[in-house]
Amino acid sequence: MAKHQHTPKYRIGDLVKCFYDSQVYFTGMSAGGGFCDRYYHGIIVGFHPDEDFPFYMFYGPFYEVLCFDGYRHYFSEWEIILLGRAS
């Protein structure tokens, strides 16, 4: 089976604001029941277009974002808002 070719919308180094789509539906509450910030801010450090990546069939390719909270989070394209383009 041929792999799907995906052209990334964002670039490595872009400054972005991200959210997990499940938090939008559940009003900012984390899975543990505690309140969590709806948005994560950070820099895109990776792009994972691989169809073998978990949940690809539901979300498509993932972007790896090094967020200002010090953790790397993974977001799909529609969960990302561009704040600044890498030069």
N, C-alpha and C. Protein backbone atom coordinates (compact mmCIF):
# COMPACT_ATOMS: atom_id res chain seq x y z
N MET A 1 0.84 -1.17 0.00
CA MET A 1 0.00 0.00 0.00
C MET A 1 0.89 1.24 0.00
N ALA A 2 0.59 2.20 -0.86
CA ALA A 2 1.39 3.42 -0.97
C ALA A 2 1.11 4.35 0.20
N LYS A 3 2.16 4.99 0.65
CA LYS A 3 2.02 5.96 1.73
C LYS A 3 1.47 7.27 1.18
N HIS A 4 0.68 7.94 1.99
CA HIS A 4 0.11 9.23 1.62
C HIS A 4 1.17 10.31 1.78
N GLN A 5 1.34 11.16 0.78
CA GLN A 5 2.29 12.27 0.87
C GLN A 5 1.58 13.48 1.45
N HIS A 6 2.14 14.05 2.50
CA HIS A 6 1.52 15.20 3.16
C HIS A 6 2.52 16.35 3.18
N THR A 7 2.12 17.48 2.64
CA THR A 7 2.95 18.68 2.68
C THR A 7 2.65 19.42 3.99
N PRO A 8 3.65 19.62 4.83
CA PRO A 8 3.40 20.28 6.11
C PRO A 8 2.94 21.73 5.94
N LYS A 9 1.98 22.12 6.75
CA LYS A 9 1.45 23.49 6.75
C LYS A 9 2.38 24.41 7.55
N TYR A 10 3.05 23.85 8.56
CA TYR A 10 3.92 24.63 9.44
C TYR A 10 5.36 24.15 9.27
N ARG A 11 6.31 25.01 9.68
CA ARG A 11 7.73 24.71 9.54
C ARG A 11 8.37 24.49 10.91
N ILE A 12 9.48 23.76 10.90
CA ILE A 12 10.29 23.62 12.11
C ILE A 12 10.74 25.03 12.49
N GLY A 13 10.57 25.38 13.75
CA GLY A 13 10.96 26.70 14.24
C GLY A 13 9.82 27.69 14.34
N ASP A 14 8.65 27.37 13.79
CA ASP A 14 7.50 28.27 13.89
C ASP A 14 7.05 28.40 15.34
N LEU A 15 6.67 29.62 15.73
CA LEU A 15 6.09 29.89 17.04
C LEU A 15 4.59 29.66 16.93
N VAL A 16 4.04 28.82 17.80
CA VAL A 16 2.63 28.43 17.68
C VAL A 16 1.91 28.44 19.02
N LYS A 17 0.60 28.54 18.92
CA LYS A 17 -0.31 28.37 20.06
C LYS A 17 -1.14 27.13 19.73
N CYS A 18 -1.24 26.19 20.66
CA CYS A 18 -1.88 24.91 20.37
C CYS A 18 -2.91 24.57 21.45
N PHE A 19 -3.82 23.70 21.09
CA PHE A 19 -4.81 23.19 22.04
C PHE A 19 -5.12 21.74 21.68
N TYR A 20 -5.51 20.98 22.68
CA TYR A 20 -5.97 19.62 22.41
C TYR A 20 -7.46 19.68 22.14
N ASP A 21 -7.93 19.10 21.05
CA ASP A 21 -9.34 19.20 20.69
C ASP A 21 -10.25 18.67 21.78
N SER A 22 -9.82 17.69 22.56
CA SER A 22 -10.67 17.16 23.63
C SER A 22 -10.91 18.20 24.72
N GLN A 23 -9.95 19.11 24.95
CA GLN A 23 -10.13 20.14 25.97
C GLN A 23 -11.17 21.15 25.56
N VAL A 24 -11.33 21.36 24.27
CA VAL A 24 -12.36 22.28 23.80
C VAL A 24 -13.73 21.72 24.17
N TYR A 25 -13.92 20.43 23.99
CA TYR A 25 -15.20 19.80 24.27
C TYR A 25 -15.47 19.66 25.76
N PHE A 26 -14.43 19.56 26.56
CA PHE A 26 -14.60 19.33 27.98
C PHE A 26 -14.22 20.55 28.81
N THR A 27 -14.35 21.73 28.26
CA THR A 27 -14.22 23.02 28.94
C THR A 27 -12.95 23.19 29.76
N GLY A 28 -11.84 22.75 29.25
CA GLY A 28 -10.57 23.02 29.91
C GLY A 28 -10.22 22.10 31.05
N MET A 29 -11.00 21.06 31.28
CA MET A 29 -10.70 20.14 32.38
C MET A 29 -9.78 19.03 31.88
N SER A 30 -8.78 18.70 32.66
CA SER A 30 -7.87 17.62 32.29
C SER A 30 -8.52 16.27 32.56
N ALA A 31 -7.91 15.20 32.08
CA ALA A 31 -8.45 13.86 32.29
C ALA A 31 -8.51 13.51 33.77
N GLY A 32 -7.61 14.10 34.57
CA GLY A 32 -7.61 13.84 36.00
C GLY A 32 -8.62 14.66 36.77
N GLY A 33 -9.35 15.53 36.09
CA GLY A 33 -10.38 16.32 36.74
C GLY A 33 -9.91 17.70 37.17
N GLY A 34 -8.61 17.97 37.12
CA GLY A 34 -8.10 19.28 37.50
C GLY A 34 -8.13 20.26 36.34
N PHE A 35 -8.16 21.53 36.65
CA PHE A 35 -8.19 22.55 35.60
C PHE A 35 -6.83 22.63 34.92
N CYS A 36 -6.83 22.77 33.62
CA CYS A 36 -5.58 22.94 32.89
C CYS A 36 -5.74 24.07 31.89
N ASP A 37 -4.65 24.73 31.57
CA ASP A 37 -4.68 25.81 30.60
C ASP A 37 -5.11 25.26 29.26
N ARG A 38 -6.00 25.95 28.60
CA ARG A 38 -6.52 25.48 27.32
C ARG A 38 -5.46 25.53 26.22
N TYR A 39 -4.58 26.51 26.26
CA TYR A 39 -3.60 26.68 25.19
C TYR A 39 -2.18 26.40 25.66
N TYR A 40 -1.40 25.84 24.75
CA TYR A 40 0.03 25.62 24.96
C TYR A 40 0.76 26.48 23.93
N HIS A 41 1.82 27.14 24.35
CA HIS A 41 2.62 27.96 23.44
C HIS A 41 4.00 27.33 23.32
N GLY A 42 4.55 27.36 22.11
CA GLY A 42 5.87 26.77 21.93
C GLY A 42 6.38 26.86 20.51
N ILE A 43 7.45 26.13 20.25
CA ILE A 43 8.14 26.11 18.96
C ILE A 43 8.02 24.71 18.35
N ILE A 44 7.69 24.64 17.07
CA ILE A 44 7.62 23.35 16.39
C ILE A 44 9.04 22.82 16.22
N VAL A 45 9.27 21.60 16.74
CA VAL A 45 10.60 20.99 16.66
C VAL A 45 10.59 19.70 15.84
N GLY A 46 9.42 19.25 15.43
CA GLY A 46 9.36 18.02 14.64
C GLY A 46 8.05 17.88 13.90
N PHE A 47 8.10 17.10 12.82
CA PHE A 47 6.92 16.79 12.01
C PHE A 47 6.91 15.30 11.78
N HIS A 48 5.80 14.64 12.06
CA HIS A 48 5.69 13.19 11.96
C HIS A 48 4.59 12.83 10.96
N PRO A 49 4.95 12.72 9.67
CA PRO A 49 3.95 12.40 8.65
C PRO A 49 3.68 10.91 8.51
N ASP A 50 4.33 10.09 9.30
CA ASP A 50 4.29 8.63 9.15
C ASP A 50 2.90 8.07 9.46
N GLU A 51 2.39 7.27 8.56
CA GLU A 51 1.09 6.64 8.76
C GLU A 51 1.12 5.60 9.87
N ASP A 52 2.32 5.19 10.29
CA ASP A 52 2.43 4.22 11.37
C ASP A 52 2.43 4.89 12.74
N PHE A 53 2.42 6.22 12.79
CA PHE A 53 2.37 6.96 14.05
C PHE A 53 1.00 6.72 14.68
N PRO A 54 0.93 6.51 16.01
CA PRO A 54 -0.37 6.22 16.64
C PRO A 54 -1.42 7.28 16.31
N PHE A 55 -2.62 6.86 16.04
CA PHE A 55 -3.79 7.70 15.78
C PHE A 55 -3.74 8.44 14.45
N TYR A 56 -2.81 8.08 13.55
CA TYR A 56 -2.71 8.76 12.26
C TYR A 56 -4.03 8.75 11.51
N MET A 57 -4.71 7.61 11.51
CA MET A 57 -5.94 7.50 10.72
C MET A 57 -7.04 8.43 11.22
N PHE A 58 -6.98 8.87 12.47
CA PHE A 58 -7.99 9.78 13.01
C PHE A 58 -7.56 11.24 12.92
N TYR A 59 -6.27 11.50 13.09
CA TYR A 59 -5.79 12.87 13.21
C TYR A 59 -4.84 13.31 12.11
N GLY A 60 -4.32 12.39 11.32
CA GLY A 60 -3.35 12.75 10.30
C GLY A 60 -1.97 12.90 10.90
N PRO A 61 -1.08 13.59 10.21
CA PRO A 61 0.28 13.75 10.73
C PRO A 61 0.31 14.63 11.99
N PHE A 62 1.33 14.41 12.80
CA PHE A 62 1.47 15.16 14.04
C PHE A 62 2.68 16.08 13.99
N TYR A 63 2.56 17.20 14.70
CA TYR A 63 3.67 18.12 14.90
C TYR A 63 4.13 17.97 16.35
N GLU A 64 5.44 17.94 16.53
CA GLU A 64 6.03 17.89 17.86
C GLU A 64 6.36 19.31 18.25
N VAL A 65 5.83 19.77 19.39
CA VAL A 65 6.00 21.15 19.82
C VAL A 65 6.69 21.17 21.18
N LEU A 66 7.81 21.89 21.27
CA LEU A 66 8.48 22.11 22.55
C LEU A 66 7.80 23.32 23.17
N CYS A 67 6.98 23.06 24.19
CA CYS A 67 6.16 24.11 24.78
C CYS A 67 6.89 24.82 25.91
N PHE A 68 6.39 25.99 26.25
CA PHE A 68 7.01 26.80 27.29
C PHE A 68 6.85 26.19 28.67
N ASP A 69 6.05 25.13 28.81
CA ASP A 69 5.97 24.42 30.08
C ASP A 69 7.13 23.44 30.26
N GLY A 70 8.01 23.36 29.22
CA GLY A 70 9.19 22.50 29.29
C GLY A 70 8.99 21.10 28.74
N TYR A 71 7.79 20.78 28.29
CA TYR A 71 7.49 19.44 27.76
C TYR A 71 7.28 19.49 26.26
N ARG A 72 7.49 18.34 25.62
CA ARG A 72 7.18 18.19 24.20
C ARG A 72 5.77 17.61 24.10
N HIS A 73 4.92 18.29 23.37
CA HIS A 73 3.55 17.84 23.15
C HIS A 73 3.36 17.59 21.67
N TYR A 74 2.38 16.77 21.33
CA TYR A 74 2.09 16.43 19.94
C TYR A 74 0.70 16.93 19.59
N PHE A 75 0.61 17.64 18.45
CA PHE A 75 -0.65 18.22 18.01
C PHE A 75 -0.89 17.92 16.54
N SER A 76 -2.14 17.77 16.17
CA SER A 76 -2.49 17.64 14.76
C SER A 76 -2.59 19.05 14.16
N GLU A 77 -2.69 19.13 12.84
CA GLU A 77 -2.65 20.42 12.16
C GLU A 77 -3.75 21.37 12.61
N TRP A 78 -4.95 20.87 12.82
CA TRP A 78 -6.05 21.76 13.17
C TRP A 78 -6.01 22.20 14.63
N GLU A 79 -5.11 21.65 15.43
CA GLU A 79 -4.96 22.06 16.82
C GLU A 79 -3.88 23.13 16.99
N ILE A 80 -3.36 23.65 15.89
CA ILE A 80 -2.25 24.60 15.91
C ILE A 80 -2.67 25.93 15.29
N ILE A 81 -2.27 27.02 15.96
CA ILE A 81 -2.48 28.38 15.45
C ILE A 81 -1.10 29.02 15.31
N LEU A 82 -0.79 29.48 14.13
CA LEU A 82 0.52 30.09 13.87
C LEU A 82 0.59 31.48 14.49
N LEU A 83 1.65 31.73 15.28
CA LEU A 83 1.89 33.05 15.87
C LEU A 83 3.03 33.77 15.17
N GLY A 84 4.04 33.01 14.73
CA GLY A 84 5.19 33.60 14.05
C GLY A 84 5.88 32.58 13.18
N ARG A 85 6.23 32.99 11.98
CA ARG A 85 6.86 32.09 11.00
C ARG A 85 8.36 32.08 11.20
N ALA A 86 8.97 30.88 11.16
CA ALA A 86 10.43 30.76 11.22
C ALA A 86 11.03 31.32 9.94
N SER A 87 12.16 31.98 10.07
CA SER A 87 12.78 32.56 8.86
C SER A 87 13.76 31.60 8.21
